[in-house]
Structure formats: structure tokens, C-alpha cells
Amino acid sequence: RLLDFFPEFEGRKIVVRSGILEVISELKKLSSNK
């Protein structure tokens, strides 16, 4: 619902449904250069 607020966003979108700790772990890795 929140991602749909930004249809003009051109980068990668990650939908957060559940397993928030796993998502945070992935985002931490990606943040090294993004």
C-alpha cells in the first residue's frame, strides 16, 4: 500500500509482508553500496 504511493520511483522495490528481521538483514547487506 505504501509502495503504491510512489509509482514514479524507478529503482528496485522490496515488498515487506512478514519476516521483518530477514528483510532488515537483507537491507543491511544492500546498504553497503546502495
All heavy atoms as atom14 arrays in JSON, in Angstrom:
{
  "sequence": "RLLDFFPEFEGRKIVVRSGILEVISELKKLSSNK",
  "atom14_mask": [
    [1, 1, 1, 1, 1, 1, 1, 1, 1, 1, 1, 0, 0, 0],
    [1, 1, 1, 1, 1, 1, 1, 1, 0, 0, 0, 0, 0, 0],
    [1, 1, 1, 1, 1, 1, 1, 1, 0, 0, 0, 0, 0, 0],
    [1, 1, 1, 1, 1, 1, 1, 1, 0, 0, 0, 0, 0, 0],
    [1, 1, 1, 1, 1, 1, 1, 1, 1, 1, 1, 0, 0, 0],
    [1, 1, 1, 1, 1, 1, 1, 1, 1, 1, 1, 0, 0, 0],
    [1, 1, 1, 1, 1, 1, 1, 0, 0, 0, 0, 0, 0, 0],
    [1, 1, 1, 1, 1, 1, 1, 1, 1, 0, 0, 0, 0, 0],
    [1, 1, 1, 1, 1, 1, 1, 1, 1, 1, 1, 0, 0, 0],
    [1, 1, 1, 1, 1, 1, 1, 1, 1, 0, 0, 0, 0, 0],
    [1, 1, 1, 1, 0, 0, 0, 0, 0, 0, 0, 0, 0, 0],
    [1, 1, 1, 1, 1, 1, 1, 1, 1, 1, 1, 0, 0, 0],
    [1, 1, 1, 1, 1, 1, 1, 1, 1, 0, 0, 0, 0, 0],
    [1, 1, 1, 1, 1, 1, 1, 1, 0, 0, 0, 0, 0, 0],
    [1, 1, 1, 1, 1, 1, 1, 0, 0, 0, 0, 0, 0, 0],
    [1, 1, 1, 1, 1, 1, 1, 0, 0, 0, 0, 0, 0, 0],
    [1, 1, 1, 1, 1, 1, 1, 1, 1, 1, 1, 0, 0, 0],
    [1, 1, 1, 1, 1, 1, 0, 0, 0, 0, 0, 0, 0, 0],
    [1, 1, 1, 1, 0, 0, 0, 0, 0, 0, 0, 0, 0, 0],
    [1, 1, 1, 1, 1, 1, 1, 1, 0, 0, 0, 0, 0, 0],
    [1, 1, 1, 1, 1, 1, 1, 1, 0, 0, 0, 0, 0, 0],
    [1, 1, 1, 1, 1, 1, 1, 1, 1, 0, 0, 0, 0, 0],
    [1, 1, 1, 1, 1, 1, 1, 0, 0, 0, 0, 0, 0, 0],
    [1, 1, 1, 1, 1, 1, 1, 1, 0, 0, 0, 0, 0, 0],
    [1, 1, 1, 1, 1, 1, 0, 0, 0, 0, 0, 0, 0, 0],
    [1, 1, 1, 1, 1, 1, 1, 1, 1, 0, 0, 0, 0, 0],
    [1, 1, 1, 1, 1, 1, 1, 1, 0, 0, 0, 0, 0, 0],
    [1, 1, 1, 1, 1, 1, 1, 1, 1, 0, 0, 0, 0, 0],
    [1, 1, 1, 1, 1, 1, 1, 1, 1, 0, 0, 0, 0, 0],
    [1, 1, 1, 1, 1, 1, 1, 1, 0, 0, 0, 0, 0, 0],
    [1, 1, 1, 1, 1, 1, 0, 0, 0, 0, 0, 0, 0, 0],
    [1, 1, 1, 1, 1, 1, 0, 0, 0, 0, 0, 0, 0, 0],
    [1, 1, 1, 1, 1, 1, 1, 1, 0, 0, 0, 0, 0, 0],
    [1, 1, 1, 1, 1, 1, 1, 1, 1, 0, 0, 0, 0, 0]
  ],
  "atom14_positions": [
    [[0.83, -1.21, 0.0], [0.0, 0.0, 0.0], [0.86, 1.25, 0.0], [0.56, 2.23, -0.7], [-0.94, 0.01, 1.21], [-1.87, 1.21, 1.27], [-2.78, 1.13, 2.48], [-2.07, 1.36, 3.72], [-1.87, 2.59, 4.25], [-2.32, 3.66, 3.63], [-1.23, 2.72, 5.4], [0.0, 0.0, 0.0], [0.0, 0.0, 0.0], [0.0, 0.0, 0.0]],
    [[1.94, 1.25, 0.77], [2.82, 2.41, 0.84], [3.68, 2.55, -0.41], [3.92, 3.65, -0.9], [3.71, 2.33, 2.09], [2.96, 2.29, 3.42], [3.95, 2.2, 4.58], [2.06, 3.5, 3.59], [0.0, 0.0, 0.0], [0.0, 0.0, 0.0], [0.0, 0.0, 0.0], [0.0, 0.0, 0.0], [0.0, 0.0, 0.0], [0.0, 0.0, 0.0]],
    [[4.14, 1.42, -0.94], [4.93, 1.47, -2.19], [4.11, 2.08, -3.32], [4.65, 2.77, -4.19], [5.41, 0.07, -2.57], [6.48, -0.56, -1.67], [6.74, -2.0, -2.08], [7.78, 0.24, -1.71], [0.0, 0.0, 0.0], [0.0, 0.0, 0.0], [0.0, 0.0, 0.0], [0.0, 0.0, 0.0], [0.0, 0.0, 0.0], [0.0, 0.0, 0.0]],
    [[2.8, 1.83, -3.29], [1.93, 2.37, -4.34], [1.81, 3.89, -4.27], [1.32, 4.51, -5.22], [0.54, 1.74, -4.24], [0.52, 0.28, -4.71], [1.49, -0.15, -5.35], [-0.46, -0.42, -4.4], [0.0, 0.0, 0.0], [0.0, 0.0, 0.0], [0.0, 0.0, 0.0], [0.0, 0.0, 0.0], [0.0, 0.0, 0.0], [0.0, 0.0, 0.0]],
    [[2.26, 4.49, -3.17], [2.29, 5.95, -3.07], [3.29, 6.55, -4.07], [3.22, 7.74, -4.38], [2.69, 6.4, -1.66], [1.62, 6.27, -0.61], [1.88, 6.6, 0.71], [0.33, 5.83, -0.93], [0.91, 6.5, 1.69], [-0.65, 5.72, 0.04], [-0.36, 6.06, 1.35], [0.0, 0.0, 0.0], [0.0, 0.0, 0.0], [0.0, 0.0, 0.0]],
    [[4.25, 5.75, -4.52], [5.34, 6.26, -5.35], [5.47, 5.49, -6.66], [6.46, 4.79, -6.9], [6.66, 6.18, -4.57], [6.68, 6.99, -3.31], [6.33, 6.41, -2.09], [7.0, 8.34, -3.35], [6.33, 7.17, -0.93], [6.99, 9.1, -2.19], [6.65, 8.52, -0.98], [0.0, 0.0, 0.0], [0.0, 0.0, 0.0], [0.0, 0.0, 0.0]],
    [[4.47, 5.62, -7.55], [4.54, 4.91, -8.84], [5.68, 5.41, -9.72], [6.13, 4.7, -10.62], [3.17, 5.21, -9.47], [2.74, 6.49, -8.83], [3.25, 6.43, -7.42], [0.0, 0.0, 0.0], [0.0, 0.0, 0.0], [0.0, 0.0, 0.0], [0.0, 0.0, 0.0], [0.0, 0.0, 0.0], [0.0, 0.0, 0.0], [0.0, 0.0, 0.0]],
    [[6.15, 6.62, -9.45], [7.22, 7.2, -10.27], [8.61, 6.73, -9.86], [9.6, 7.03, -10.54], [7.16, 8.74, -10.21], [7.58, 9.36, -8.87], [6.46, 9.48, -7.85], [5.61, 8.55, -7.78], [6.45, 10.48, -7.12], [0.0, 0.0, 0.0], [0.0, 0.0, 0.0], [0.0, 0.0, 0.0], [0.0, 0.0, 0.0], [0.0, 0.0, 0.0]],
    [[8.71, 5.99, -8.75], [10.03, 5.51, -8.31], [10.59, 4.52, -9.32], [9.92, 3.56, -9.69], [9.92, 4.86, -6.93], [11.24, 4.36, -6.39], [12.16, 5.24, -5.87], [11.55, 3.0, -6.43], [13.38, 4.78, -5.39], [12.76, 2.54, -5.95], [13.69, 3.43, -5.43], [0.0, 0.0, 0.0], [0.0, 0.0, 0.0], [0.0, 0.0, 0.0]],
    [[11.83, 4.75, -9.75], [12.41, 3.94, -10.83], [13.39, 2.88, -10.37], [13.86, 2.07, -11.17], [13.11, 4.88, -11.84], [12.14, 5.86, -12.52], [12.84, 6.78, -13.49], [14.1, 6.81, -13.48], [12.15, 7.48, -14.26], [0.0, 0.0, 0.0], [0.0, 0.0, 0.0], [0.0, 0.0, 0.0], [0.0, 0.0, 0.0], [0.0, 0.0, 0.0]],
    [[13.73, 2.87, -9.09], [14.68, 1.88, -8.59], [14.02, 0.56, -8.23], [12.87, 0.28, -8.62], [0.0, 0.0, 0.0], [0.0, 0.0, 0.0], [0.0, 0.0, 0.0], [0.0, 0.0, 0.0], [0.0, 0.0, 0.0], [0.0, 0.0, 0.0], [0.0, 0.0, 0.0], [0.0, 0.0, 0.0], [0.0, 0.0, 0.0], [0.0, 0.0, 0.0]],
    [[14.72, -0.25, -7.47], [14.21, -1.55, -7.05], [13.26, -1.38, -5.87], [13.54, -0.63, -4.93], [15.37, -2.46, -6.64], [14.94, -3.82, -6.11], [16.13, -4.62, -5.6], [15.7, -5.83, -4.94], [16.52, -6.65, -4.26], [17.82, -6.37, -4.19], [16.04, -7.73, -3.67], [0.0, 0.0, 0.0], [0.0, 0.0, 0.0], [0.0, 0.0, 0.0]],
    [[12.14, -2.09, -5.93], [11.18, -2.07, -4.83], [11.18, -3.43, -4.13], [11.19, -4.47, -4.78], [9.77, -1.76, -5.34], [9.58, -0.32, -5.8], [8.11, -0.06, -6.16], [7.9, 1.39, -6.54], [6.47, 1.68, -6.87], [0.0, 0.0, 0.0], [0.0, 0.0, 0.0], [0.0, 0.0, 0.0], [0.0, 0.0, 0.0], [0.0, 0.0, 0.0]],
    [[11.17, -3.39, -2.8], [11.09, -4.6, -1.99], [9.8, -4.54, -1.18], [9.62, -3.63, -0.36], [12.31, -4.74, -1.05], [13.6, -4.89, -1.86], [12.13, -5.93, -0.11], [14.85, -4.95, -1.01], [0.0, 0.0, 0.0], [0.0, 0.0, 0.0], [0.0, 0.0, 0.0], [0.0, 0.0, 0.0], [0.0, 0.0, 0.0], [0.0, 0.0, 0.0]],
    [[8.9, -5.49, -1.44], [7.63, -5.52, -0.71], [7.84, -6.23, 0.63], [8.3, -7.39, 0.66], [6.54, -6.24, -1.53], [5.22, -6.26, -0.76], [6.36, -5.57, -2.88], [0.0, 0.0, 0.0], [0.0, 0.0, 0.0], [0.0, 0.0, 0.0], [0.0, 0.0, 0.0], [0.0, 0.0, 0.0], [0.0, 0.0, 0.0], [0.0, 0.0, 0.0]],
    [[7.52, -5.54, 1.72], [7.65, -6.12, 3.05], [6.3, -6.69, 3.46], [5.31, -5.97, 3.61], [8.11, -5.06, 4.07], [8.19, -5.69, 5.47], [9.45, -4.48, 3.66], [0.0, 0.0, 0.0], [0.0, 0.0, 0.0], [0.0, 0.0, 0.0], [0.0, 0.0, 0.0], [0.0, 0.0, 0.0], [0.0, 0.0, 0.0], [0.0, 0.0, 0.0]],
    [[6.22, -8.01, 3.6], [4.97, -8.67, 4.0], [5.08, -9.2, 5.43], [4.27, -8.93, 6.27], [4.66, -9.81, 3.02], [4.34, -9.33, 1.6], [3.85, -10.48, 0.73], [3.46, -10.03, -0.6], [4.29, -9.95, -1.63], [5.58, -10.3, -1.47], [3.87, -9.53, -2.81], [0.0, 0.0, 0.0], [0.0, 0.0, 0.0], [0.0, 0.0, 0.0]],
    [[6.09, -9.99, 5.68], [6.32, -10.56, 7.01], [7.8, -10.89, 7.11], [8.58, -10.6, 6.19], [5.46, -11.83, 7.21], [5.78, -12.79, 6.24], [0.0, 0.0, 0.0], [0.0, 0.0, 0.0], [0.0, 0.0, 0.0], [0.0, 0.0, 0.0], [0.0, 0.0, 0.0], [0.0, 0.0, 0.0], [0.0, 0.0, 0.0], [0.0, 0.0, 0.0]],
    [[8.22, -11.47, 8.22], [9.63, -11.79, 8.39], [10.5, -10.55, 8.36], [11.48, -10.48, 7.63], [0.0, 0.0, 0.0], [0.0, 0.0, 0.0], [0.0, 0.0, 0.0], [0.0, 0.0, 0.0], [0.0, 0.0, 0.0], [0.0, 0.0, 0.0], [0.0, 0.0, 0.0], [0.0, 0.0, 0.0], [0.0, 0.0, 0.0], [0.0, 0.0, 0.0]],
    [[10.11, -9.57, 9.19], [10.77, -8.27, 9.14], [12.26, -8.35, 9.47], [13.07, -7.62, 8.91], [10.07, -7.27, 10.09], [10.59, -5.85, 9.87], [10.22, -7.7, 11.55], [10.33, -5.32, 8.5], [0.0, 0.0, 0.0], [0.0, 0.0, 0.0], [0.0, 0.0, 0.0], [0.0, 0.0, 0.0], [0.0, 0.0, 0.0], [0.0, 0.0, 0.0]],
    [[12.66, -9.27, 10.34], [14.08, -9.39, 10.69], [14.91, -9.85, 9.49], [16.04, -9.39, 9.3], [14.25, -10.37, 11.87], [13.63, -9.91, 13.2], [13.87, -10.96, 14.28], [14.22, -8.57, 13.64], [0.0, 0.0, 0.0], [0.0, 0.0, 0.0], [0.0, 0.0, 0.0], [0.0, 0.0, 0.0], [0.0, 0.0, 0.0], [0.0, 0.0, 0.0]],
    [[14.33, -10.74, 8.69], [15.03, -11.19, 7.48], [15.17, -10.04, 6.48], [16.21, -9.89, 5.81], [14.29, -12.36, 6.83], [14.35, -13.67, 7.61], [13.37, -13.72, 8.77], [12.6, -12.75, 8.95], [13.38, -14.73, 9.5], [0.0, 0.0, 0.0], [0.0, 0.0, 0.0], [0.0, 0.0, 0.0], [0.0, 0.0, 0.0], [0.0, 0.0, 0.0]],
    [[14.13, -9.22, 6.38], [14.16, -8.07, 5.47], [15.23, -7.08, 5.92], [16.0, -6.56, 5.11], [12.78, -7.39, 5.4], [12.87, -6.08, 4.59], [11.76, -8.31, 4.79], [0.0, 0.0, 0.0], [0.0, 0.0, 0.0], [0.0, 0.0, 0.0], [0.0, 0.0, 0.0], [0.0, 0.0, 0.0], [0.0, 0.0, 0.0], [0.0, 0.0, 0.0]],
    [[15.29, -6.82, 7.21], [16.29, -5.89, 7.74], [17.69, -6.41, 7.45], [18.6, -5.65, 7.08], [16.09, -5.68, 9.25], [14.8, -4.88, 9.5], [17.29, -4.95, 9.86], [14.44, -4.72, 10.96], [0.0, 0.0, 0.0], [0.0, 0.0, 0.0], [0.0, 0.0, 0.0], [0.0, 0.0, 0.0], [0.0, 0.0, 0.0], [0.0, 0.0, 0.0]],
    [[17.9, -7.72, 7.61], [19.2, -8.32, 7.32], [19.59, -8.11, 5.86], [20.73, -7.76, 5.55], [19.17, -9.81, 7.66], [20.39, -10.43, 7.35], [0.0, 0.0, 0.0], [0.0, 0.0, 0.0], [0.0, 0.0, 0.0], [0.0, 0.0, 0.0], [0.0, 0.0, 0.0], [0.0, 0.0, 0.0], [0.0, 0.0, 0.0], [0.0, 0.0, 0.0]],
    [[18.62, -8.29, 4.96], [18.89, -8.09, 3.53], [19.21, -6.63, 3.24], [20.15, -6.31, 2.49], [17.69, -8.53, 2.7], [17.9, -8.35, 1.2], [16.68, -8.7, 0.37], [15.64, -9.07, 0.96], [16.77, -8.61, -0.86], [0.0, 0.0, 0.0], [0.0, 0.0, 0.0], [0.0, 0.0, 0.0], [0.0, 0.0, 0.0], [0.0, 0.0, 0.0]],
    [[18.44, -5.72, 3.85], [18.66, -4.29, 3.62], [20.01, -3.84, 4.16], [20.67, -2.98, 3.57], [17.54, -3.48, 4.27], [16.15, -3.66, 3.66], [15.11, -2.88, 4.47], [16.13, -3.2, 2.21], [0.0, 0.0, 0.0], [0.0, 0.0, 0.0], [0.0, 0.0, 0.0], [0.0, 0.0, 0.0], [0.0, 0.0, 0.0], [0.0, 0.0, 0.0]],
    [[20.44, -4.44, 5.26], [21.74, -4.09, 5.82], [22.86, -4.45, 4.84], [23.82, -3.69, 4.65], [21.95, -4.79, 7.16], [23.2, -4.3, 7.91], [23.21, -4.81, 9.32], [24.46, -4.35, 10.06], [24.52, -2.88, 10.18], [0.0, 0.0, 0.0], [0.0, 0.0, 0.0], [0.0, 0.0, 0.0], [0.0, 0.0, 0.0], [0.0, 0.0, 0.0]],
    [[22.73, -5.61, 4.21], [23.73, -6.02, 3.21], [23.71, -5.08, 2.01], [24.75, -4.65, 1.51], [23.48, -7.46, 2.77], [23.68, -8.5, 3.86], [23.28, -9.89, 3.38], [23.4, -10.92, 4.49], [22.92, -12.27, 4.05], [0.0, 0.0, 0.0], [0.0, 0.0, 0.0], [0.0, 0.0, 0.0], [0.0, 0.0, 0.0], [0.0, 0.0, 0.0]],
    [[22.51, -4.74, 1.55], [22.38, -3.89, 0.37], [22.87, -2.47, 0.64], [23.32, -1.77, -0.28], [20.92, -3.85, -0.07], [20.35, -5.15, -0.64], [18.83, -5.04, -0.8], [21.0, -5.5, -1.97], [0.0, 0.0, 0.0], [0.0, 0.0, 0.0], [0.0, 0.0, 0.0], [0.0, 0.0, 0.0], [0.0, 0.0, 0.0], [0.0, 0.0, 0.0]],
    [[22.8, -2.04, 1.89], [23.17, -0.65, 2.22], [24.67, -0.39, 2.12], [25.1, 0.75, 2.21], [22.69, -0.3, 3.64], [23.42, -1.03, 4.62], [0.0, 0.0, 0.0], [0.0, 0.0, 0.0], [0.0, 0.0, 0.0], [0.0, 0.0, 0.0], [0.0, 0.0, 0.0], [0.0, 0.0, 0.0], [0.0, 0.0, 0.0], [0.0, 0.0, 0.0]],
    [[25.46, -1.44, 1.91], [26.91, -1.24, 1.79], [27.26, -0.37, 0.59], [28.25, 0.36, 0.6], [27.63, -2.59, 1.69], [27.22, -3.29, 0.52], [0.0, 0.0, 0.0], [0.0, 0.0, 0.0], [0.0, 0.0, 0.0], [0.0, 0.0, 0.0], [0.0, 0.0, 0.0], [0.0, 0.0, 0.0], [0.0, 0.0, 0.0], [0.0, 0.0, 0.0]],
    [[26.43, -0.42, -0.46], [26.71, 0.4, -1.64], [25.45, 0.97, -2.3], [25.48, 1.4, -3.44], [27.51, -0.4, -2.68], [26.78, -1.65, -3.14], [25.67, -1.93, -2.71], [27.42, -2.4, -4.03], [0.0, 0.0, 0.0], [0.0, 0.0, 0.0], [0.0, 0.0, 0.0], [0.0, 0.0, 0.0], [0.0, 0.0, 0.0], [0.0, 0.0, 0.0]],
    [[24.31, 0.94, -1.55], [23.07, 1.46, -2.1], [22.41, 2.4, -1.09], [22.53, 2.22, 0.12], [22.08, 0.32, -2.41], [22.58, -0.71, -3.43], [22.64, -0.13, -4.83], [23.03, -1.23, -5.83], [23.14, -0.68, -7.22], [0.0, 0.0, 0.0], [0.0, 0.0, 0.0], [0.0, 0.0, 0.0], [0.0, 0.0, 0.0], [0.0, 0.0, 0.0]]
  ]
}
